[in-house]
């Protein structure tokens, strides 16, 4: 087995395990994208409703990150619409 401490994600995993140890979760889910582009999911003590809720949280996080990354584009669109309204009036 490879030394996982050498993996790029090792610091993240260490922080995640610390979080788990401190906050004592009762249900855990993990979703990963593999090197070949396939996806894998594993979970502990989760039922369907838990998985749906966690998937919704992941989707919300993705949406929020996209909004943050696209903020400058949204700002430009809003400003250009404001400029067009000024011209029309």
C-alpha atoms as a PDB file:
ATOM      1  CA  UNK A   1       0.000   0.000   0.000  1.00  0.00           C
ATOM      2  CA  UNK A   2       1.203   3.490  -0.833  1.00  0.00           C
ATOM      3  CA  UNK A   3       2.131   5.962   1.896  1.00  0.00           C
ATOM      4  CA  UNK A   4      -1.001   8.138   2.058  1.00  0.00           C
ATOM      5  CA  UNK A   5       0.874  10.842   3.967  1.00  0.00           C
ATOM      6  CA  UNK A   6       2.559  11.705   0.652  1.00  0.00           C
ATOM      7  CA  UNK A   7      -0.726  12.285  -1.181  1.00  0.00           C
ATOM      8  CA  UNK A   8      -1.768  15.838  -2.091  1.00  0.00           C
ATOM      9  CA  UNK A   9      -4.998  15.387  -0.131  1.00  0.00           C
ATOM     10  CA  UNK A  10      -3.294  14.120   3.054  1.00  0.00           C
ATOM     11  CA  UNK A  11      -3.463  17.491   4.920  1.00  0.00           C
ATOM     12  CA  UNK A  12      -7.162  17.817   4.083  1.00  0.00           C
ATOM     13  CA  UNK A  13      -7.843  14.279   5.274  1.00  0.00           C
ATOM     14  CA  UNK A  14      -5.950  14.891   8.507  1.00  0.00           C
ATOM     15  CA  UNK A  15      -8.019  18.030   9.219  1.00  0.00           C
ATOM     16  CA  UNK A  16     -11.209  16.151   8.360  1.00  0.00           C
ATOM     17  CA  UNK A  17     -10.355  13.325  10.744  1.00  0.00           C
ATOM     18  CA  UNK A  18      -9.616  15.864  13.500  1.00  0.00           C
ATOM     19  CA  UNK A  19     -13.007  17.457  12.833  1.00  0.00           C
ATOM     20  CA  UNK A  20     -14.698  14.051  13.030  1.00  0.00           C
ATOM     21  CA  UNK A  21     -12.926  13.185  16.281  1.00  0.00           C
ATOM     22  CA  UNK A  22     -13.819  16.510  17.917  1.00  0.00           C
ATOM     23  CA  UNK A  23     -17.413  16.943  16.735  1.00  0.00           C
ATOM     24  CA  UNK A  24     -18.517  13.293  17.002  1.00  0.00           C
ATOM     25  CA  UNK A  25     -20.738  12.902  13.933  1.00  0.00           C
ATOM     26  CA  UNK A  26     -23.176   9.995  13.865  1.00  0.00           C
ATOM     27  CA  UNK A  27     -23.485   9.799  10.074  1.00  0.00           C
ATOM     28  CA  UNK A  28     -20.731  10.292   7.491  1.00  0.00           C
ATOM     29  CA  UNK A  29     -20.723  10.333   3.690  1.00  0.00           C
ATOM     30  CA  UNK A  30     -17.857  10.760   1.251  1.00  0.00           C
ATOM     31  CA  UNK A  31     -17.989  11.373  -2.475  1.00  0.00           C
ATOM     32  CA  UNK A  32     -14.872  11.236  -4.633  1.00  0.00           C
ATOM     33  CA  UNK A  33     -13.860  11.670  -8.258  1.00  0.00           C
ATOM     34  CA  UNK A  34     -11.325   9.043  -9.235  1.00  0.00           C
ATOM     35  CA  UNK A  35      -8.293   9.553 -11.464  1.00  0.00           C
ATOM     36  CA  UNK A  36     -10.138   7.981 -14.417  1.00  0.00           C
ATOM     37  CA  UNK A  37     -13.069  10.394 -13.987  1.00  0.00           C
ATOM     38  CA  UNK A  38     -15.419   7.897 -12.368  1.00  0.00           C
ATOM     39  CA  UNK A  39     -17.228   8.719  -9.145  1.00  0.00           C
ATOM     40  CA  UNK A  40     -17.440   6.781  -5.907  1.00  0.00           C
ATOM     41  CA  UNK A  41     -19.551   7.262  -2.809  1.00  0.00           C
ATOM     42  CA  UNK A  42     -19.224   5.617   0.570  1.00  0.00           C
ATOM     43  CA  UNK A  43     -21.093   6.289   3.767  1.00  0.00           C
ATOM     44  CA  UNK A  44     -21.474   5.246   7.373  1.00  0.00           C
ATOM     45  CA  UNK A  45     -24.854   4.928   9.104  1.00  0.00           C
ATOM     46  CA  UNK A  46     -26.721   6.957   6.448  1.00  0.00           C
ATOM     47  CA  UNK A  47     -30.187   6.243   5.190  1.00  0.00           C
ATOM     48  CA  UNK A  48     -31.654   7.529   1.934  1.00  0.00           C
ATOM     49  CA  UNK A  49     -32.968  10.753   3.501  1.00  0.00           C
ATOM     50  CA  UNK A  50     -29.538  11.495   4.997  1.00  0.00           C
ATOM     51  CA  UNK A  51     -27.895  10.976   1.618  1.00  0.00           C
ATOM     52  CA  UNK A  52     -30.456  13.229  -0.102  1.00  0.00           C
ATOM     53  CA  UNK A  53     -29.863  15.940   2.513  1.00  0.00           C
ATOM     54  CA  UNK A  54     -26.084  15.684   2.172  1.00  0.00           C
ATOM     55  CA  UNK A  55     -26.319  15.750  -1.630  1.00  0.00           C
ATOM     56  CA  UNK A  56     -28.414  18.911  -1.353  1.00  0.00           C
ATOM     57  CA  UNK A  57     -25.776  20.498   0.862  1.00  0.00           C
ATOM     58  CA  UNK A  58     -23.067  19.619  -1.666  1.00  0.00           C
ATOM     59  CA  UNK A  59     -25.172  21.072  -4.480  1.00  0.00           C
ATOM     60  CA  UNK A  60     -25.705  24.286  -2.493  1.00  0.00           C
ATOM     61  CA  UNK A  61     -21.969  24.533  -1.829  1.00  0.00           C
ATOM     62  CA  UNK A  62     -21.262  24.123  -5.546  1.00  0.00           C
ATOM     63  CA  UNK A  63     -23.811  26.770  -6.440  1.00  0.00           C
ATOM     64  CA  UNK A  64     -22.345  29.198  -3.885  1.00  0.00           C
ATOM     65  CA  UNK A  65     -18.800  28.645  -5.170  1.00  0.00           C
ATOM     66  CA  UNK A  66     -19.985  29.231  -8.745  1.00  0.00           C
ATOM     67  CA  UNK A  67     -21.659  32.493  -7.704  1.00  0.00           C
ATOM     68  CA  UNK A  68     -18.481  33.592  -5.934  1.00  0.00           C
ATOM     69  CA  UNK A  69     -16.350  32.703  -8.960  1.00  0.00           C
ATOM     70  CA  UNK A  70     -18.740  34.429 -11.353  1.00  0.00           C
ATOM     71  CA  UNK A  71     -19.326  37.547  -9.260  1.00  0.00           C
ATOM     72  CA  UNK A  72     -17.358  39.790 -11.591  1.00  0.00           C
ATOM     73  CA  UNK A  73     -19.403  38.567 -14.575  1.00  0.00           C
ATOM     74  CA  UNK A  74     -22.686  39.146 -12.752  1.00  0.00           C
ATOM     75  CA  UNK A  75     -21.514  42.608 -11.693  1.00  0.00           C
ATOM     76  CA  UNK A  76     -20.644  43.486 -15.311  1.00  0.00           C
ATOM     77  CA  UNK A  77     -24.076  42.319 -16.506  1.00  0.00           C
ATOM     78  CA  UNK A  78     -25.873  44.351 -13.845  1.00  0.00           C
ATOM     79  CA  UNK A  79     -23.766  47.435 -14.574  1.00  0.00           C
ATOM     80  CA  UNK A  80     -24.317  47.140 -18.331  1.00  0.00           C
ATOM     81  CA  UNK A  81     -28.081  46.835 -17.769  1.00  0.00           C
ATOM     82  CA  UNK A  82     -27.957  49.935 -15.548  1.00  0.00           C
ATOM     83  CA  UNK A  83     -26.076  51.793 -18.281  1.00  0.00           C
ATOM     84  CA  UNK A  84     -28.690  50.745 -20.870  1.00  0.00           C
ATOM     85  CA  UNK A  85     -31.500  52.000 -18.613  1.00  0.00           C
ATOM     86  CA  UNK A  86     -29.728  55.362 -18.264  1.00  0.00           C
ATOM     87  CA  UNK A  87     -29.510  55.665 -22.055  1.00  0.00           C
ATOM     88  CA  UNK A  88     -33.178  54.723 -22.526  1.00  0.00           C
ATOM     89  CA  UNK A  89     -34.458  57.307 -20.039  1.00  0.00           C
END
